[in-house]
């Protein structure tokens, strides 16, 4: 009985975080659109953050092609 109660409690906790019992977004269409835009904007900017973390967004100064107009 204790394991069944523990399983039900864990199931409720997991389902509450997934948006099953409590919805993840608002029921109001205008507010839901705003929330979805914020979420998609965060995911779109993730690639820029990843490139900035690994310093891939900076020019490579080891190549003969310079971005500042030196050697072409």
PDB file of N, CA and C in Angstrom:
ATOM      1  N   UNK A   1       0.821  -1.195   0.000  1.00  0.00           N
ATOM      2  CA  UNK A   1       0.000   0.000   0.000  1.00  0.00           C
ATOM      3  C   UNK A   1       0.871   1.267   0.000  1.00  0.00           C
ATOM      4  N   UNK A   2       1.971   1.179   0.734  1.00  0.00           N
ATOM      5  CA  UNK A   2       2.861   2.332   0.795  1.00  0.00           C
ATOM      6  C   UNK A   2       3.499   2.610  -0.566  1.00  0.00           C
ATOM      7  N   UNK A   3       3.874   1.551  -1.286  1.00  0.00           N
ATOM      8  CA  UNK A   3       4.489   1.744  -2.605  1.00  0.00           C
ATOM      9  C   UNK A   3       3.470   2.297  -3.609  1.00  0.00           C
ATOM     10  N   UNK A   4       2.223   1.896  -3.491  1.00  0.00           N
ATOM     11  CA  UNK A   4       1.182   2.434  -4.372  1.00  0.00           C
ATOM     12  C   UNK A   4       0.972   3.924  -4.100  1.00  0.00           C
ATOM     13  N   UNK A   5       0.940   4.307  -2.835  1.00  0.00           N
ATOM     14  CA  UNK A   5       0.787   5.714  -2.480  1.00  0.00           C
ATOM     15  C   UNK A   5       1.980   6.531  -2.965  1.00  0.00           C
ATOM     16  N   UNK A   6       3.171   5.969  -2.839  1.00  0.00           N
ATOM     17  CA  UNK A   6       4.375   6.642  -3.325  1.00  0.00           C
ATOM     18  C   UNK A   6       4.352   6.782  -4.853  1.00  0.00           C
ATOM     19  N   UNK A   7       3.904   5.764  -5.543  1.00  0.00           N
ATOM     20  CA  UNK A   7       3.822   5.819  -7.007  1.00  0.00           C
ATOM     21  C   UNK A   7       2.796   6.849  -7.464  1.00  0.00           C
ATOM     22  N   UNK A   8       1.651   6.931  -6.800  1.00  0.00           N
ATOM     23  CA  UNK A   8       0.630   7.911  -7.157  1.00  0.00           C
ATOM     24  C   UNK A   8       1.135   9.327  -6.886  1.00  0.00           C
ATOM     25  N   UNK A   9       1.822   9.528  -5.763  1.00  0.00           N
ATOM     26  CA  UNK A   9       2.364  10.842  -5.439  1.00  0.00           C
ATOM     27  C   UNK A   9       3.414  11.261  -6.453  1.00  0.00           C
ATOM     28  N   UNK A  10       4.303  10.362  -6.816  1.00  0.00           N
ATOM     29  CA  UNK A  10       5.319  10.672  -7.833  1.00  0.00           C
ATOM     30  C   UNK A  10       4.673  10.952  -9.183  1.00  0.00           C
ATOM     31  N   UNK A  11       3.643  10.211  -9.524  1.00  0.00           N
ATOM     32  CA  UNK A  11       2.939  10.442 -10.783  1.00  0.00           C
ATOM     33  C   UNK A  11       2.275  11.805 -10.826  1.00  0.00           C
ATOM     34  N   UNK A  12       1.688  12.228  -9.713  1.00  0.00           N
ATOM     35  CA  UNK A  12       1.072  13.556  -9.656  1.00  0.00           C
ATOM     36  C   UNK A  12       2.118  14.661  -9.757  1.00  0.00           C
ATOM     37  N   UNK A  13       3.247  14.473  -9.108  1.00  0.00           N
ATOM     38  CA  UNK A  13       4.304  15.484  -9.181  1.00  0.00           C
ATOM     39  C   UNK A  13       4.858  15.610 -10.598  1.00  0.00           C
ATOM     40  N   UNK A  14       5.067  14.489 -11.268  1.00  0.00           N
ATOM     41  CA  UNK A  14       5.605  14.514 -12.625  1.00  0.00           C
ATOM     42  C   UNK A  14       4.586  15.090 -13.601  1.00  0.00           C
ATOM     43  N   UNK A  15       3.317  14.743 -13.447  1.00  0.00           N
ATOM     44  CA  UNK A  15       2.304  15.244 -14.375  1.00  0.00           C
ATOM     45  C   UNK A  15       2.035  16.730 -14.169  1.00  0.00           C
ATOM     46  N   UNK A  16       2.234  17.235 -12.965  1.00  0.00           N
ATOM     47  CA  UNK A  16       2.023  18.662 -12.718  1.00  0.00           C
ATOM     48  C   UNK A  16       3.105  19.505 -13.381  1.00  0.00           C
ATOM     49  N   UNK A  17       4.306  18.980 -13.481  1.00  0.00           N
ATOM     50  CA  UNK A  17       5.378  19.744 -14.108  1.00  0.00           C
ATOM     51  C   UNK A  17       5.299  19.669 -15.622  1.00  0.00           C
ATOM     52  N   UNK A  18       4.644  18.691 -16.176  1.00  0.00           N
ATOM     53  CA  UNK A  18       4.553  18.540 -17.625  1.00  0.00           C
ATOM     54  C   UNK A  18       3.412  19.297 -18.260  1.00  0.00           C
ATOM     55  N   UNK A  19       2.582  19.947 -17.469  1.00  0.00           N
ATOM     56  CA  UNK A  19       1.468  20.698 -18.015  1.00  0.00           C
ATOM     57  C   UNK A  19       0.223  19.858 -18.204  1.00  0.00           C
ATOM     58  N   UNK A  20       0.142  18.703 -17.571  1.00  0.00           N
ATOM     59  CA  UNK A  20      -1.043  17.860 -17.728  1.00  0.00           C
ATOM     60  C   UNK A  20      -2.192  18.347 -16.852  1.00  0.00           C
ATOM     61  N   UNK A  21      -1.923  18.568 -15.574  1.00  0.00           N
ATOM     62  CA  UNK A  21      -2.972  19.018 -14.664  1.00  0.00           C
ATOM     63  C   UNK A  21      -3.108  20.539 -14.748  1.00  0.00           C
ATOM     64  N   UNK A  22      -2.014  21.235 -14.582  1.00  0.00           N
ATOM     65  CA  UNK A  22      -1.997  22.681 -14.735  1.00  0.00           C
ATOM     66  C   UNK A  22      -1.449  23.001 -16.123  1.00  0.00           C
ATOM     67  N   UNK A  23      -2.196  23.740 -16.933  1.00  0.00           N
ATOM     68  CA  UNK A  23      -1.716  24.016 -18.291  1.00  0.00           C
ATOM     69  C   UNK A  23      -0.448  24.875 -18.272  1.00  0.00           C
ATOM     70  N   UNK A  24       0.409  24.657 -19.241  1.00  0.00           N
ATOM     71  CA  UNK A  24       1.661  25.392 -19.318  1.00  0.00           C
ATOM     72  C   UNK A  24       1.441  26.816 -19.786  1.00  0.00           C
ATOM     73  N   UNK A  25       0.402  27.050 -20.577  1.00  0.00           N
ATOM     74  CA  UNK A  25       0.138  28.381 -21.119  1.00  0.00           C
ATOM     75  C   UNK A  25      -1.257  28.835 -20.716  1.00  0.00           C
ATOM     76  N   UNK A  26      -1.487  30.119 -20.790  1.00  0.00           N
ATOM     77  CA  UNK A  26      -2.753  30.717 -20.388  1.00  0.00           C
ATOM     78  C   UNK A  26      -3.884  30.314 -21.346  1.00  0.00           C
ATOM     79  N   UNK A  27      -5.102  30.392 -20.867  1.00  0.00           N
ATOM     80  CA  UNK A  27      -6.259  30.107 -21.701  1.00  0.00           C
ATOM     81  C   UNK A  27      -6.676  31.285 -22.557  1.00  0.00           C
ATOM     82  N   UNK A  28      -6.257  32.484 -22.173  1.00  0.00           N
ATOM     83  CA  UNK A  28      -6.562  33.687 -22.947  1.00  0.00           C
ATOM     84  C   UNK A  28      -5.722  33.686 -24.224  1.00  0.00           C
ATOM     85  N   UNK A  29      -6.345  33.780 -25.407  1.00  0.00           N
ATOM     86  CA  UNK A  29      -5.572  33.692 -26.657  1.00  0.00           C
ATOM     87  C   UNK A  29      -4.508  34.772 -26.803  1.00  0.00           C
ATOM     88  N   UNK A  30      -4.801  35.990 -26.374  1.00  0.00           N
ATOM     89  CA  UNK A  30      -3.803  37.068 -26.514  1.00  0.00           C
ATOM     90  C   UNK A  30      -2.598  36.818 -25.606  1.00  0.00           C
ATOM     91  N   UNK A  31      -2.879  36.420 -24.372  1.00  0.00           N
ATOM     92  CA  UNK A  31      -1.779  36.152 -23.427  1.00  0.00           C
ATOM     93  C   UNK A  31      -1.000  34.903 -23.845  1.00  0.00           C
ATOM     94  N   UNK A  32      -1.701  33.879 -24.341  1.00  0.00           N
ATOM     95  CA  UNK A  32      -1.029  32.657 -24.785  1.00  0.00           C
ATOM     96  C   UNK A  32      -0.113  32.944 -25.970  1.00  0.00           C
ATOM     97  N   UNK A  33      -0.557  33.811 -26.892  1.00  0.00           N
ATOM     98  CA  UNK A  33       0.290  34.183 -28.022  1.00  0.00           C
ATOM     99  C   UNK A  33       1.553  34.883 -27.543  1.00  0.00           C
ATOM    100  N   UNK A  34       1.404  35.773 -26.564  1.00  0.00           N
ATOM    101  CA  UNK A  34       2.559  36.479 -26.013  1.00  0.00           C
ATOM    102  C   UNK A  34       3.511  35.493 -25.327  1.00  0.00           C
ATOM    103  N   UNK A  35       2.987  34.532 -24.577  1.00  0.00           N
ATOM    104  CA  UNK A  35       3.831  33.539 -23.911  1.00  0.00           C
ATOM    105  C   UNK A  35       4.570  32.668 -24.929  1.00  0.00           C
ATOM    106  N   UNK A  36       3.881  32.269 -25.995  1.00  0.00           N
ATOM    107  CA  UNK A  36       4.516  31.449 -27.019  1.00  0.00           C
ATOM    108  C   UNK A  36       5.591  32.223 -27.774  1.00  0.00           C
ATOM    109  N   UNK A  37       5.372  33.522 -27.983  1.00  0.00           N
ATOM    110  CA  UNK A  37       6.392  34.338 -28.643  1.00  0.00           C
ATOM    111  C   UNK A  37       7.629  34.454 -27.767  1.00  0.00           C
ATOM    112  N   UNK A  38       7.436  34.629 -26.460  1.00  0.00           N
ATOM    113  CA  UNK A  38       8.578  34.702 -25.551  1.00  0.00           C
ATOM    114  C   UNK A  38       9.345  33.384 -25.531  1.00  0.00           C
ATOM    115  N   UNK A  39       8.608  32.264 -25.536  1.00  0.00           N
ATOM    116  CA  UNK A  39       9.263  30.955 -25.516  1.00  0.00           C
ATOM    117  C   UNK A  39      10.046  30.711 -26.800  1.00  0.00           C
ATOM    118  N   UNK A  40       9.451  31.013 -27.946  1.00  0.00           N
ATOM    119  CA  UNK A  40      10.143  30.773 -29.207  1.00  0.00           C
ATOM    120  C   UNK A  40      11.324  31.721 -29.366  1.00  0.00           C
ATOM    121  N   UNK A  41      11.220  32.935 -28.830  1.00  0.00           N
ATOM    122  CA  UNK A  41      12.333  33.876 -28.902  1.00  0.00           C
ATOM    123  C   UNK A  41      13.517  33.358 -28.083  1.00  0.00           C
ATOM    124  N   UNK A  42      13.233  32.784 -26.928  1.00  0.00           N
ATOM    125  CA  UNK A  42      14.312  32.238 -26.109  1.00  0.00           C
ATOM    126  C   UNK A  42      15.006  31.074 -26.806  1.00  0.00           C
ATOM    127  N   UNK A  43      14.241  30.224 -27.474  1.00  0.00           N
ATOM    128  CA  UNK A  43      14.846  29.085 -28.160  1.00  0.00           C
ATOM    129  C   UNK A  43      15.597  29.523 -29.416  1.00  0.00           C
ATOM    130  N   UNK A  44      15.128  30.597 -30.063  1.00  0.00           N
ATOM    131  CA  UNK A  44      15.795  31.080 -31.260  1.00  0.00           C
ATOM    132  C   UNK A  44      17.145  31.680 -30.907  1.00  0.00           C
ATOM    133  N   UNK A  45      17.236  32.348 -29.791  1.00  0.00           N
ATOM    134  CA  UNK A  45      18.479  32.988 -29.384  1.00  0.00           C
ATOM    135  C   UNK A  45      19.481  32.013 -28.771  1.00  0.00           C
ATOM    136  N   UNK A  46      19.069  30.768 -28.557  1.00  0.00           N
ATOM    137  CA  UNK A  46      19.971  29.800 -27.947  1.00  0.00           C
ATOM    138  C   UNK A  46      21.182  29.529 -28.837  1.00  0.00           C
ATOM    139  N   UNK A  47      20.992  29.493 -30.153  1.00  0.00           N
ATOM    140  CA  UNK A  47      22.107  29.246 -31.071  1.00  0.00           C
ATOM    141  C   UNK A  47      23.133  30.371 -30.992  1.00  0.00           C
ATOM    142  N   UNK A  48      22.669  31.616 -30.884  1.00  0.00           N
ATOM    143  CA  UNK A  48      23.599  32.735 -30.735  1.00  0.00           C
ATOM    144  C   UNK A  48      24.376  32.644 -29.431  1.00  0.00           C
ATOM    145  N   UNK A  49      23.705  32.243 -28.359  1.00  0.00           N
ATOM    146  CA  UNK A  49      24.391  32.090 -27.069  1.00  0.00           C
ATOM    147  C   UNK A  49      25.430  30.970 -27.151  1.00  0.00           C
ATOM    148  N   UNK A  50      25.091  29.878 -27.830  1.00  0.00           N
ATOM    149  CA  UNK A  50      26.011  28.749 -27.963  1.00  0.00           C
ATOM    150  C   UNK A  50      27.253  29.166 -28.746  1.00  0.00           C
ATOM    151  N   UNK A  51      27.080  29.904 -29.846  1.00  0.00           N
ATOM    152  CA  UNK A  51      28.226  30.363 -30.634  1.00  0.00           C
ATOM    153  C   UNK A  51      29.056  31.382 -29.861  1.00  0.00           C
ATOM    154  N   UNK A  52      28.419  32.211 -29.078  1.00  0.00           N
ATOM    155  CA  UNK A  52      29.155  33.180 -28.283  1.00  0.00           C
ATOM    156  C   UNK A  52      29.950  32.478 -27.180  1.00  0.00           C
ATOM    157  N   UNK A  53      29.405  31.410 -26.590  1.00  0.00           N
ATOM    158  CA  UNK A  53      30.096  30.668 -25.544  1.00  0.00           C
ATOM    159  C   UNK A  53      31.360  29.997 -26.092  1.00  0.00           C
ATOM    160  N   UNK A  54      31.276  29.402 -27.275  1.00  0.00           N
ATOM    161  CA  UNK A  54      32.416  28.726 -27.881  1.00  0.00           C
ATOM    162  C   UNK A  54      33.263  29.676 -28.737  1.00  0.00           C
ATOM    163  N   UNK A  55      32.931  30.985 -28.722  1.00  0.00           N
ATOM    164  CA  UNK A  55      33.651  32.020 -29.450  1.00  0.00           C
ATOM    165  C   UNK A  55      33.694  31.750 -30.952  1.00  0.00           C
ATOM    166  N   UNK A  56      32.587  31.253 -31.484  1.00  0.00           N
ATOM    167  CA  UNK A  56      32.492  31.004 -32.916  1.00  0.00           C
ATOM    168  C   UNK A  56      31.977  32.224 -33.659  1.00  0.00           C
ATOM    169  N   UNK A  57      31.506  33.229 -32.934  1.00  0.00           N
ATOM    170  CA  UNK A  57      30.971  34.418 -33.587  1.00  0.00           C
ATOM    171  C   UNK A  57      32.056  35.448 -33.876  1.00  0.00           C
ATOM    172  N   UNK A  58      33.298  35.176 -33.466  1.00  0.00           N
ATOM    173  CA  UNK A  58      34.395  36.112 -33.707  1.00  0.00           C
ATOM    174  C   UNK A  58      35.153  35.723 -34.968  1.00  0.00           C
ATOM    175  N   UNK A  59      35.745  36.671 -35.669  1.00  0.00           N
ATOM    176  CA  UNK A  59      36.516  36.319 -36.869  1.00  0.00           C
ATOM    177  C   UNK A  59      37.804  35.589 -36.501  1.00  0.00           C
ATOM    178  N   UNK A  60      38.228  34.700 -37.371  1.00  0.00           N
ATOM    179  CA  UNK A  60      39.455  33.954 -37.172  1.00  0.00           C
ATOM    180  C   UNK A  60      40.614  34.757 -37.760  1.00  0.00           C
ATOM    181  N   UNK A  61      41.606  35.083 -36.945  1.00  0.00           N
ATOM    182  CA  UNK A  61      42.720  35.916 -37.393  1.00  0.00           C
ATOM    183  C   UNK A  61      43.893  35.093 -37.930  1.00  0.00           C
ATOM    184  N   UNK A  62      43.725  33.804 -38.056  1.00  0.00           N
ATOM    185  CA  UNK A  62      44.792  32.947 -38.574  1.00  0.00           C
ATOM    186  C   UNK A  62      44.686  32.748 -40.087  1.00  0.00           C
ATOM    187  N   UNK A  63      43.616  33.177 -40.691  1.00  0.00           N
ATOM    188  CA  UNK A  63      43.429  33.007 -42.132  1.00  0.00           C
ATOM    189  C   UNK A  63      43.926  34.247 -42.868  1.00  0.00           C
ATOM    190  N   UNK A  64      44.302  34.123 -44.143  1.00  0.00           N
ATOM    191  CA  UNK A  64      44.769  35.291 -44.885  1.00  0.00           C
ATOM    192  C   UNK A  64      43.646  36.271 -45.222  1.00  0.00           C
ATOM    193  N   UNK A  65      42.391  35.850 -45.137  1.00  0.00           N
ATOM    194  CA  UNK A  65      41.266  36.734 -45.425  1.00  0.00           C
ATOM    195  C   UNK A  65      40.888  37.471 -44.147  1.00  0.00           C
ATOM    196  N   UNK A  66      41.095  38.756 -44.098  1.00  0.00           N
ATOM    197  CA  UNK A  66      40.811  39.557 -42.904  1.00  0.00           C
ATOM    198  C   UNK A  66      39.471  40.257 -43.067  1.00  0.00           C
ATOM    199  N   UNK A  67      38.762  40.393 -41.991  1.00  0.00           N
ATOM    200  CA  UNK A  67      37.484  41.092 -42.048  1.00  0.00           C
ATOM    201  C   UNK A  67      37.637  42.586 -41.845  1.00  0.00           C
ATOM    202  N   UNK A  68      38.802  43.058 -41.380  1.00  0.00           N
ATOM    203  CA  UNK A  68      38.990  44.475 -41.120  1.00  0.00           C
ATOM    204  C   UNK A  68      39.656  45.186 -42.294  1.00  0.00           C
ATOM    205  N   UNK A  69      39.839  44.509 -43.447  1.00  0.00           N
ATOM    206  CA  UNK A  69      40.324  45.165 -44.647  1.00  0.00           C
ATOM    207  C   UNK A  69      41.829  45.122 -44.824  1.00  0.00           C
ATOM    208  N   UNK A  70      42.536  44.237 -44.144  1.00  0.00           N
ATOM    209  CA  UNK A  70      43.988  44.157 -44.275  1.00  0.00           C
ATOM    210  C   UNK A  70      44.399  43.417 -45.527  1.00  0.00           C
ATOM    211  N   UNK A  71      44.532  42.109 -45.475  1.00  0.00           N
ATOM    212  CA  UNK A  71      44.974  41.278 -46.585  1.00  0.00           C
ATOM    213  C   UNK A  71      43.753  40.633 -47.235  1.00  0.00           C
ATOM    214  N   UNK A  72      43.706  40.612 -48.551  1.00  0.00           N
ATOM    215  CA  UNK A  72      42.591  39.945 -49.240  1.00  0.00           C
ATOM    216  C   UNK A  72      43.107  38.783 -50.056  1.00  0.00           C
TER     217      UNK A  72
END
